[in-house]
Amino acid sequence: MQSLTKTLLLGAAGSALAVAPAIAGAPHLLRVIPTANGLVFKTGATHYKTPTATKCNSAGTKCKTTFPNGSVAYTGHESTMYLNFKKLGGGETWYSYTNGVCHTYPSKAKASRDANATIKKYTIKQHVTLSKCSGTLTYYAPKYELTNSTVSQDKFKWNDTIKFKSGSKYYTWIAIQKYTVNIQ
């Protein structure tokens, strides 16, 4: 099998999700899912919300957002995954905009520690047109290399962290996507 069979367990809301905080100047979060026809997200399904915990809007605190509707699952053969990197889909980007132009916001994307695999990031560039801006954004997604040939399933979290300043206050926000890799 040359490529991973991708099973998306996200539902309609998971194909496009953006979190736009109520803090002035704060970046927005946009999630995309790669398919055979390119990256998929629907601006009509983009959901803006204020973080639910009041402390998320307090300076100096970390706010974590876990994407809803389960995890992204992939199935592949051990023979093609063992000691070979495979790009897993489901990238995200933090973005801001100025004068109608979208800009990728600097972030640090990485996977949680994993005893069964080496996980690194790769980038996807895509031109977008959203309600407030358009431009080319860079999405960050995991690439996965199985290092333990005896496991049949592996799970990890993909964390994308930003730090930004609004007024005189500093904020740290983390977007978390859960992944499940099934090995046959």
N, C-alpha and C. Protein backbone atom coordinates (compact mmCIF):
# COMPACT_ATOMS: atom_id res chain seq x y z
N MET A 1 0.85 -1.18 0.00
CA MET A 1 0.00 0.00 0.00
C MET A 1 0.89 1.24 0.00
N GLN A 2 0.79 2.08 -1.01
CA GLN A 2 1.68 3.21 -1.17
C GLN A 2 1.34 4.39 -0.26
N SER A 3 0.10 4.56 0.07
CA SER A 3 -0.26 5.69 0.92
C SER A 3 -1.20 5.21 2.02
N LEU A 4 -1.29 6.01 3.04
CA LEU A 4 -2.16 5.67 4.16
C LEU A 4 -3.61 5.82 3.77
N THR A 5 -4.43 4.91 4.25
CA THR A 5 -5.87 5.06 4.09
C THR A 5 -6.33 6.00 5.18
N LYS A 6 -6.97 7.06 4.80
CA LYS A 6 -7.34 8.09 5.76
C LYS A 6 -8.81 7.95 6.14
N THR A 7 -9.04 7.83 7.41
CA THR A 7 -10.40 7.78 7.92
C THR A 7 -10.58 8.99 8.82
N LEU A 8 -11.45 9.88 8.46
CA LEU A 8 -11.66 11.08 9.24
C LEU A 8 -12.87 10.90 10.14
N LEU A 9 -12.65 11.05 11.41
CA LEU A 9 -13.72 10.88 12.38
C LEU A 9 -14.10 12.23 12.97
N LEU A 10 -14.14 13.24 12.14
CA LEU A 10 -14.36 14.57 12.65
C LEU A 10 -15.78 15.09 12.51
N GLY A 11 -16.53 14.63 11.55
CA GLY A 11 -17.86 15.20 11.35
C GLY A 11 -17.76 16.53 10.62
N ALA A 12 -18.88 17.06 10.28
CA ALA A 12 -18.93 18.28 9.47
C ALA A 12 -18.28 19.47 10.16
N ALA A 13 -18.47 19.61 11.45
CA ALA A 13 -17.90 20.76 12.14
C ALA A 13 -16.39 20.67 12.21
N GLY A 14 -15.83 19.48 12.18
CA GLY A 14 -14.39 19.33 12.28
C GLY A 14 -13.66 19.65 11.00
N SER A 15 -14.34 19.65 9.87
CA SER A 15 -13.65 19.94 8.62
C SER A 15 -13.22 21.39 8.53
N ALA A 16 -13.91 22.23 9.22
CA ALA A 16 -13.48 23.63 9.28
C ALA A 16 -13.82 24.16 10.65
N LEU A 17 -12.80 24.62 11.33
CA LEU A 17 -13.02 25.13 12.67
C LEU A 17 -12.09 26.30 12.89
N ALA A 18 -12.62 27.39 13.32
CA ALA A 18 -11.77 28.53 13.65
C ALA A 18 -12.22 29.08 14.99
N VAL A 19 -11.27 29.47 15.77
CA VAL A 19 -11.57 30.07 17.06
C VAL A 19 -11.10 31.50 16.97
N ALA A 20 -12.02 32.43 17.07
CA ALA A 20 -11.65 33.84 17.03
C ALA A 20 -11.91 34.43 18.40
N PRO A 21 -10.88 34.69 19.17
CA PRO A 21 -11.06 35.17 20.52
C PRO A 21 -11.59 36.58 20.57
N ALA A 22 -12.10 36.94 21.73
CA ALA A 22 -12.67 38.26 21.92
C ALA A 22 -11.61 39.27 22.34
N ILE A 23 -10.36 38.92 22.29
CA ILE A 23 -9.27 39.82 22.66
C ILE A 23 -8.81 40.56 21.41
N ALA A 24 -8.70 41.87 21.51
CA ALA A 24 -8.30 42.67 20.36
C ALA A 24 -6.91 42.27 19.88
N GLY A 25 -6.77 42.10 18.58
CA GLY A 25 -5.48 41.77 18.00
C GLY A 25 -5.08 40.31 18.13
N ALA A 26 -5.93 39.49 18.71
CA ALA A 26 -5.59 38.07 18.89
C ALA A 26 -5.70 37.32 17.57
N PRO A 27 -4.82 36.34 17.35
CA PRO A 27 -4.89 35.55 16.12
C PRO A 27 -6.09 34.61 16.12
N HIS A 28 -6.44 34.13 14.94
CA HIS A 28 -7.54 33.19 14.74
C HIS A 28 -6.95 31.83 14.41
N LEU A 29 -7.73 30.77 14.64
CA LEU A 29 -7.27 29.41 14.36
C LEU A 29 -8.14 28.82 13.25
N LEU A 30 -7.50 28.21 12.24
CA LEU A 30 -8.22 27.60 11.13
C LEU A 30 -7.69 26.20 10.91
N ARG A 31 -8.58 25.24 10.78
CA ARG A 31 -8.22 23.83 10.61
C ARG A 31 -8.61 23.39 9.21
N VAL A 32 -7.76 22.58 8.57
CA VAL A 32 -8.04 22.04 7.24
C VAL A 32 -7.77 20.54 7.23
N ILE A 33 -8.46 19.85 6.33
CA ILE A 33 -8.28 18.41 6.14
C ILE A 33 -7.90 18.18 4.67
N PRO A 34 -6.73 17.58 4.39
CA PRO A 34 -6.39 17.28 3.00
C PRO A 34 -7.20 16.11 2.46
N THR A 35 -7.66 16.21 1.24
CA THR A 35 -8.38 15.13 0.57
C THR A 35 -7.77 14.94 -0.81
N ALA A 36 -8.28 14.01 -1.57
CA ALA A 36 -7.79 13.78 -2.93
C ALA A 36 -8.02 15.01 -3.81
N ASN A 37 -8.99 15.85 -3.44
CA ASN A 37 -9.31 17.04 -4.23
C ASN A 37 -8.70 18.32 -3.66
N GLY A 38 -7.75 18.19 -2.75
CA GLY A 38 -7.11 19.37 -2.15
C GLY A 38 -7.56 19.56 -0.72
N LEU A 39 -7.21 20.71 -0.15
CA LEU A 39 -7.56 21.00 1.24
C LEU A 39 -9.03 21.37 1.35
N VAL A 40 -9.68 20.86 2.39
CA VAL A 40 -11.11 21.11 2.57
C VAL A 40 -11.35 21.92 3.83
N PHE A 41 -12.01 23.03 3.68
CA PHE A 41 -12.63 23.75 4.78
C PHE A 41 -13.71 24.61 4.16
N LYS A 42 -14.76 24.82 4.91
CA LYS A 42 -15.87 25.61 4.39
C LYS A 42 -16.00 26.86 5.23
N THR A 43 -15.88 28.00 4.59
CA THR A 43 -15.98 29.23 5.35
C THR A 43 -17.35 29.38 5.98
N GLY A 44 -18.38 28.82 5.36
CA GLY A 44 -19.71 28.89 5.95
C GLY A 44 -19.82 28.10 7.23
N ALA A 45 -18.97 27.06 7.37
CA ALA A 45 -19.01 26.23 8.57
C ALA A 45 -18.01 26.70 9.62
N THR A 46 -17.26 27.74 9.32
CA THR A 46 -16.29 28.24 10.28
C THR A 46 -17.02 28.77 11.50
N HIS A 47 -16.56 28.36 12.65
CA HIS A 47 -17.24 28.72 13.89
C HIS A 47 -16.34 29.61 14.72
N TYR A 48 -16.81 30.77 15.06
CA TYR A 48 -16.07 31.70 15.90
C TYR A 48 -16.65 31.64 17.30
N LYS A 49 -15.79 31.57 18.29
CA LYS A 49 -16.29 31.58 19.66
C LYS A 49 -15.26 32.19 20.59
N THR A 50 -15.72 32.64 21.71
CA THR A 50 -14.85 33.12 22.77
C THR A 50 -14.45 31.91 23.60
N PRO A 51 -13.20 31.82 24.04
CA PRO A 51 -12.82 30.70 24.88
C PRO A 51 -13.77 30.57 26.07
N THR A 52 -14.11 29.32 26.42
CA THR A 52 -15.13 29.10 27.44
C THR A 52 -14.65 29.43 28.84
N ALA A 53 -13.37 29.22 29.11
CA ALA A 53 -12.87 29.51 30.45
C ALA A 53 -12.48 30.98 30.55
N THR A 54 -12.95 31.63 31.61
CA THR A 54 -12.64 33.05 31.79
C THR A 54 -11.13 33.26 31.87
N LYS A 55 -10.42 32.30 32.47
CA LYS A 55 -8.97 32.46 32.61
C LYS A 55 -8.25 32.50 31.27
N CYS A 56 -8.89 32.03 30.18
CA CYS A 56 -8.25 32.10 28.86
C CYS A 56 -8.04 33.53 28.43
N ASN A 57 -8.84 34.44 28.95
CA ASN A 57 -8.72 35.84 28.59
C ASN A 57 -7.87 36.61 29.59
N SER A 58 -7.30 35.91 30.58
CA SER A 58 -6.44 36.56 31.55
C SER A 58 -5.00 36.50 31.06
N ALA A 59 -4.32 37.60 31.15
CA ALA A 59 -2.93 37.65 30.70
C ALA A 59 -2.07 36.71 31.54
N GLY A 60 -1.07 36.12 30.89
CA GLY A 60 -0.15 35.25 31.59
C GLY A 60 -0.63 33.83 31.78
N THR A 61 -1.84 33.48 31.32
CA THR A 61 -2.35 32.12 31.46
C THR A 61 -2.29 31.40 30.13
N LYS A 62 -2.30 30.08 30.19
CA LYS A 62 -2.35 29.27 28.98
C LYS A 62 -3.79 28.84 28.75
N CYS A 63 -4.24 28.96 27.50
CA CYS A 63 -5.57 28.52 27.14
C CYS A 63 -5.42 27.38 26.15
N LYS A 64 -6.02 26.22 26.45
CA LYS A 64 -5.95 25.06 25.56
C LYS A 64 -7.30 24.83 24.91
N THR A 65 -7.30 24.64 23.60
CA THR A 65 -8.50 24.32 22.84
C THR A 65 -8.31 22.96 22.19
N THR A 66 -9.13 21.96 22.56
CA THR A 66 -9.06 20.66 21.92
C THR A 66 -10.13 20.60 20.86
N PHE A 67 -9.75 20.22 19.63
CA PHE A 67 -10.73 20.15 18.55
C PHE A 67 -11.79 19.11 18.89
N PRO A 68 -13.05 19.41 18.64
CA PRO A 68 -14.14 18.50 19.01
C PRO A 68 -14.29 17.32 18.04
N ASN A 69 -15.25 16.49 18.32
CA ASN A 69 -15.67 15.39 17.44
C ASN A 69 -14.61 14.32 17.26
N GLY A 70 -13.91 13.97 18.33
CA GLY A 70 -13.00 12.84 18.28
C GLY A 70 -11.64 13.16 17.70
N SER A 71 -11.01 12.14 17.16
CA SER A 71 -9.65 12.30 16.66
C SER A 71 -9.60 12.03 15.16
N VAL A 72 -8.45 12.35 14.57
CA VAL A 72 -8.20 12.01 13.18
C VAL A 72 -7.54 10.64 13.20
N ALA A 73 -8.06 9.69 12.44
CA ALA A 73 -7.53 8.32 12.44
C ALA A 73 -6.97 7.96 11.07
N TYR A 74 -5.85 7.24 11.07
CA TYR A 74 -5.20 6.78 9.85
C TYR A 74 -4.93 5.29 9.98
N THR A 75 -5.03 4.59 8.87
CA THR A 75 -4.72 3.17 8.84
C THR A 75 -3.69 2.92 7.74
N GLY A 76 -2.65 2.19 8.09
CA GLY A 76 -1.61 1.88 7.11
C GLY A 76 -0.92 0.57 7.46
N HIS A 77 -0.16 0.05 6.52
CA HIS A 77 0.56 -1.20 6.72
C HIS A 77 1.90 -0.93 7.38
N GLU A 78 2.27 -1.81 8.28
CA GLU A 78 3.55 -1.69 8.98
C GLU A 78 4.70 -1.65 7.99
N SER A 79 4.60 -2.39 6.90
CA SER A 79 5.69 -2.46 5.91
C SER A 79 5.97 -1.12 5.25
N THR A 80 4.97 -0.25 5.15
CA THR A 80 5.20 1.06 4.52
C THR A 80 5.38 2.16 5.55
N MET A 81 5.09 1.88 6.81
CA MET A 81 5.19 2.91 7.86
C MET A 81 6.44 2.78 8.70
N TYR A 82 6.97 1.56 8.82
CA TYR A 82 8.12 1.33 9.69
C TYR A 82 9.37 2.00 9.13
N LEU A 83 9.92 2.93 9.89
CA LEU A 83 11.12 3.70 9.54
C LEU A 83 10.96 4.51 8.25
N ASN A 84 9.72 4.85 7.90
CA ASN A 84 9.41 5.72 6.75
C ASN A 84 8.42 6.79 7.21
N PHE A 85 8.75 8.04 6.94
CA PHE A 85 7.84 9.12 7.31
C PHE A 85 6.62 9.13 6.39
N LYS A 86 5.45 9.26 6.97
CA LYS A 86 4.18 9.43 6.24
C LYS A 86 3.55 10.74 6.69
N LYS A 87 3.13 11.55 5.74
CA LYS A 87 2.47 12.81 6.08
C LYS A 87 1.04 12.52 6.48
N LEU A 88 0.68 12.95 7.68
CA LEU A 88 -0.70 12.81 8.16
C LEU A 88 -1.39 14.15 7.93
N GLY A 89 -2.62 14.10 7.51
CA GLY A 89 -3.35 15.33 7.22
C GLY A 89 -3.94 15.97 8.47
N GLY A 90 -4.69 17.00 8.25
CA GLY A 90 -5.35 17.68 9.36
C GLY A 90 -4.50 18.76 9.96
N GLY A 91 -3.98 19.65 9.13
CA GLY A 91 -3.16 20.74 9.64
C GLY A 91 -3.99 21.91 10.12
N GLU A 92 -3.32 22.80 10.84
CA GLU A 92 -3.99 24.01 11.28
C GLU A 92 -3.03 25.17 11.17
N THR A 93 -3.59 26.36 11.21
CA THR A 93 -2.78 27.57 11.20
C THR A 93 -3.43 28.59 12.13
N TRP A 94 -2.60 29.37 12.75
CA TRP A 94 -3.07 30.57 13.45
C TRP A 94 -2.84 31.70 12.46
N TYR A 95 -3.82 32.57 12.30
CA TYR A 95 -3.65 33.65 11.34
C TYR A 95 -4.20 34.95 11.90
N SER A 96 -3.70 36.02 11.36
CA SER A 96 -4.24 37.35 11.64
C SER A 96 -4.44 38.03 10.29
N TYR A 97 -5.01 39.21 10.30
CA TYR A 97 -5.21 39.90 9.02
C TYR A 97 -5.05 41.40 9.21
N THR A 98 -4.59 42.02 8.12
CA THR A 98 -4.41 43.46 8.08
C THR A 98 -4.89 43.94 6.73
N ASN A 99 -5.78 44.91 6.74
CA ASN A 99 -6.29 45.49 5.50
C ASN A 99 -6.79 44.44 4.51
N GLY A 100 -7.47 43.41 5.01
CA GLY A 100 -8.06 42.39 4.15
C GLY A 100 -7.11 41.31 3.67
N VAL A 101 -5.86 41.30 4.16
CA VAL A 101 -4.89 40.30 3.76
C VAL A 101 -4.61 39.37 4.95
N CYS A 102 -4.77 38.05 4.73
CA CYS A 102 -4.49 37.06 5.77
C CYS A 102 -2.99 36.82 5.87
N HIS A 103 -2.50 36.66 7.10
CA HIS A 103 -1.09 36.37 7.36
C HIS A 103 -1.00 35.20 8.34
N THR A 104 -0.09 34.25 8.07
CA THR A 104 0.16 33.17 9.02
C THR A 104 0.84 33.76 10.24
N TYR A 105 0.30 33.44 11.41
CA TYR A 105 0.86 33.93 12.67
C TYR A 105 1.93 32.96 13.14
N PRO A 106 3.08 33.44 13.61
CA PRO A 106 4.14 32.53 14.04
C PRO A 106 3.66 31.61 15.17
N SER A 107 3.90 30.31 15.01
CA SER A 107 3.48 29.35 16.03
C SER A 107 4.51 28.24 16.14
N LYS A 108 4.39 27.46 17.19
CA LYS A 108 5.26 26.31 17.40
C LYS A 108 4.38 25.06 17.44
N ALA A 109 4.45 24.26 16.38
CA ALA A 109 3.65 23.05 16.30
C ALA A 109 4.54 21.84 16.57
N LYS A 110 4.05 20.93 17.43
CA LYS A 110 4.81 19.71 17.70
C LYS A 110 3.87 18.66 18.30
N ALA A 111 4.34 17.42 18.24
CA ALA A 111 3.55 16.31 18.78
C ALA A 111 3.93 16.05 20.23
N SER A 112 2.99 15.42 20.95
CA SER A 112 3.30 14.95 22.29
C SER A 112 4.35 13.85 22.17
N ARG A 113 5.02 13.54 23.26
CA ARG A 113 6.03 12.48 23.24
C ARG A 113 5.38 11.16 22.86
N ASP A 114 6.11 10.37 22.07
CA ASP A 114 5.57 9.10 21.60
C ASP A 114 6.68 8.05 21.62
N ALA A 115 6.48 6.97 22.37
CA ALA A 115 7.49 5.91 22.49
C ALA A 115 7.53 5.02 21.25
N ASN A 116 6.51 5.08 20.40
CA ASN A 116 6.41 4.18 19.25
C ASN A 116 6.76 4.81 17.92
N ALA A 117 7.00 6.11 17.90
CA ALA A 117 7.19 6.80 16.62
C ALA A 117 8.00 8.07 16.79
N THR A 118 8.55 8.52 15.67
CA THR A 118 9.14 9.84 15.58
C THR A 118 8.12 10.68 14.82
N ILE A 119 7.77 11.83 15.39
CA ILE A 119 6.75 12.68 14.77
C ILE A 119 7.34 14.08 14.60
N LYS A 120 7.32 14.56 13.37
CA LYS A 120 7.83 15.89 13.05
C LYS A 120 6.73 16.68 12.35
N LYS A 121 7.00 17.94 12.10
CA LYS A 121 5.99 18.74 11.40
C LYS A 121 6.38 18.93 9.94
N TYR A 122 5.35 19.12 9.13
CA TYR A 122 5.54 19.54 7.75
C TYR A 122 4.54 20.65 7.47
N THR A 123 4.74 21.36 6.39
CA THR A 123 3.88 22.50 6.10
C THR A 123 3.10 22.29 4.81
N ILE A 124 1.94 22.91 4.78
CA ILE A 124 1.06 22.92 3.61
C ILE A 124 0.73 24.39 3.36
N LYS A 125 0.94 24.87 2.16
CA LYS A 125 0.57 26.25 1.83
C LYS A 125 -0.70 26.23 0.98
N GLN A 126 -1.62 27.12 1.31
CA GLN A 126 -2.90 27.16 0.60
C GLN A 126 -3.42 28.60 0.57
N HIS A 127 -3.88 29.02 -0.61
CA HIS A 127 -4.53 30.33 -0.72
C HIS A 127 -5.96 30.19 -0.19
N VAL A 128 -6.38 31.14 0.63
CA VAL A 128 -7.72 31.11 1.20
C VAL A 128 -8.42 32.43 0.97
N THR A 129 -9.74 32.37 0.93
CA THR A 129 -10.57 33.56 0.94
C THR A 129 -11.58 33.38 2.06
N LEU A 130 -11.45 34.18 3.09
CA LEU A 130 -12.33 34.12 4.25
C LEU A 130 -13.17 35.39 4.29
N SER A 131 -14.05 35.48 5.26
CA SER A 131 -14.96 36.62 5.30
C SER A 131 -14.23 37.95 5.53
N LYS A 132 -13.09 37.93 6.23
CA LYS A 132 -12.40 39.18 6.54
C LYS A 132 -11.08 39.36 5.81
N CYS A 133 -10.63 38.32 5.08
CA CYS A 133 -9.34 38.44 4.42
C CYS A 133 -9.14 37.35 3.38
N SER A 134 -8.09 37.52 2.58
CA SER A 134 -7.64 36.47 1.67
C SER A 134 -6.12 36.53 1.62
N GLY A 135 -5.52 35.40 1.27
CA GLY A 135 -4.06 35.33 1.21
C GLY A 135 -3.60 33.89 1.30
N THR A 136 -2.31 33.67 1.22
CA THR A 136 -1.74 32.34 1.32
C THR A 136 -1.33 32.08 2.77
N LEU A 137 -1.88 31.03 3.35
CA LEU A 137 -1.57 30.66 4.73
C LEU A 137 -0.72 29.40 4.74
N THR A 138 0.07 29.24 5.78
CA THR A 138 0.87 28.04 5.98
C THR A 138 0.24 27.24 7.11
N TYR A 139 -0.11 25.98 6.82
CA TYR A 139 -0.70 25.07 7.80
C TYR A 139 0.38 24.12 8.27
N TYR A 140 0.32 23.74 9.55
CA TYR A 140 1.29 22.81 10.12
C TYR A 140 0.60 21.49 10.42
N ALA A 141 1.20 20.39 9.99
CA ALA A 141 0.61 19.06 10.18
C ALA A 141 1.73 18.08 10.56
N PRO A 142 1.36 16.94 11.17
CA PRO A 142 2.38 15.98 11.57
C PRO A 142 2.77 15.01 10.45
N LYS A 143 4.04 14.63 10.45
CA LYS A 143 4.48 13.49 9.64
C LYS A 143 5.00 12.45 10.63
N TYR A 144 4.67 11.20 10.35
CA TYR A 144 4.78 10.12 11.33
C TYR A 144 5.69 9.01 10.81
N GLU A 145 6.67 8.61 11.64
CA GLU A 145 7.56 7.50 11.30
C GLU A 145 7.45 6.46 12.42
N LEU A 146 6.91 5.30 12.11
CA LEU A 146 6.78 4.22 13.08
C LEU A 146 8.17 3.68 13.42
N THR A 147 8.49 3.61 14.71
CA THR A 147 9.80 3.09 15.13
C THR A 147 9.68 1.81 15.96
N ASN A 148 8.46 1.40 16.27
CA ASN A 148 8.22 0.17 17.02
C ASN A 148 7.32 -0.72 16.17
N SER A 149 7.87 -1.76 15.59
CA SER A 149 7.12 -2.60 14.64
C SER A 149 6.17 -3.58 15.33
N THR A 150 6.10 -3.57 16.65
CA THR A 150 5.23 -4.53 17.36
C THR A 150 3.88 -3.95 17.75
N VAL A 151 3.65 -2.66 17.56
CA VAL A 151 2.38 -2.06 17.97
C VAL A 151 1.35 -2.14 16.85
N SER A 152 0.08 -2.22 17.22
CA SER A 152 -0.99 -2.23 16.22
C SER A 152 -1.77 -0.92 16.20
N GLN A 153 -1.56 -0.09 17.23
CA GLN A 153 -2.24 1.21 17.27
C GLN A 153 -1.38 2.18 18.08
N ASP A 154 -1.38 3.41 17.67
CA ASP A 154 -0.61 4.45 18.36
C ASP A 154 -1.46 5.70 18.43
N LYS A 155 -1.36 6.43 19.53
CA LYS A 155 -2.11 7.67 19.70
C LYS A 155 -1.16 8.77 20.14
N PHE A 156 -1.41 9.96 19.62
CA PHE A 156 -0.63 11.12 20.05
C PHE A 156 -1.47 12.38 19.90
N LYS A 157 -0.98 13.46 20.48
CA LYS A 157 -1.65 14.76 20.36
C LYS A 157 -0.74 15.70 19.60
N TRP A 158 -1.33 16.46 18.68
CA TRP A 158 -0.63 17.48 17.91
C TRP A 158 -0.95 18.82 18.55
N ASN A 159 0.06 19.51 19.05
CA ASN A 159 -0.12 20.76 19.78
C ASN A 159 0.47 21.92 18.98
N ASP A 160 -0.31 22.94 18.76
CA ASP A 160 0.15 24.13 18.05
C ASP A 160 0.01 25.31 19.00
N THR A 161 1.13 25.90 19.38
CA THR A 161 1.16 26.94 20.41
C THR A 161 1.53 28.29 19.82
N ILE A 162 0.83 29.32 20.27
CA ILE A 162 1.18 30.69 19.91
C ILE A 162 1.33 31.51 21.17
N LYS A 163 2.16 32.52 21.07
CA LYS A 163 2.29 33.53 22.12
C LYS A 163 2.08 34.86 21.44
N PHE A 164 1.26 35.70 22.03
CA PHE A 164 1.02 37.00 21.42
C PHE A 164 0.76 38.05 22.48
N LYS A 165 0.82 39.29 22.06
CA LYS A 165 0.61 40.42 22.94
C LYS A 165 -0.60 41.19 22.46
N SER A 166 -1.47 41.56 23.37
CA SER A 166 -2.61 42.41 23.07
C SER A 166 -2.59 43.55 24.07
N GLY A 167 -2.38 44.74 23.56
CA GLY A 167 -2.20 45.87 24.48
C GLY A 167 -0.89 45.66 25.24
N SER A 168 -0.95 45.67 26.55
CA SER A 168 0.25 45.45 27.36
C SER A 168 0.29 44.05 27.95
N LYS A 169 -0.65 43.18 27.56
CA LYS A 169 -0.75 41.84 28.14
C LYS A 169 -0.25 40.77 27.17
N TYR A 170 0.34 39.72 27.72
CA TYR A 170 0.85 38.59 26.93
C TYR A 170 -0.04 37.37 27.15
N TYR A 171 -0.24 36.57 26.09
CA TYR A 171 -1.10 35.39 26.13
C TYR A 171 -0.40 34.20 25.50
N THR A 172 -0.72 32.99 25.96
CA THR A 172 -0.26 31.74 25.35
C THR A 172 -1.48 30.89 25.10
N TRP A 173 -1.71 30.50 23.83
CA TRP A 173 -2.83 29.65 23.48
C TRP A 173 -2.33 28.41 22.78
N ILE A 174 -2.96 27.27 23.06
CA ILE A 174 -2.55 25.99 22.49
C ILE A 174 -3.76 25.31 21.85
N ALA A 175 -3.63 24.93 20.58
CA ALA A 175 -4.67 24.14 19.90
C ALA A 175 -4.20 22.69 19.90
N ILE A 176 -5.09 21.77 20.26
CA ILE A 176 -4.74 20.35 20.38
C ILE A 176 -5.64 19.52 19.47
N GLN A 177 -5.02 18.67 18.63
CA GLN A 177 -5.76 17.70 17.82
C GLN A 177 -5.27 16.32 18.18
N LYS A 178 -6.19 15.42 18.46
CA LYS A 178 -5.83 14.03 18.78
C LYS A 178 -5.74 13.21 17.49
N TYR A 179 -4.73 12.33 17.43
CA TYR A 179 -4.53 11.45 16.29
C TYR A 179 -4.48 10.01 16.76
N THR A 180 -5.02 9.10 15.95
CA THR A 180 -4.92 7.65 16.15
C THR A 180 -4.35 7.06 14.88
N VAL A 181 -3.27 6.27 15.01
CA VAL A 181 -2.67 5.61 13.85
C VAL A 181 -2.85 4.11 14.05
N ASN A 182 -3.58 3.48 13.13
CA ASN A 182 -3.81 2.03 13.14
C ASN A 182 -2.83 1.36 12.21
N ILE A 183 -2.10 0.38 12.72
CA ILE A 183 -1.08 -0.30 11.94
C ILE A 183 -1.52 -1.73 11.67
N GLN A 184 -1.52 -2.13 10.41
CA GLN A 184 -1.94 -3.48 10.03
C GLN A 184 -0.75 -4.34 9.70
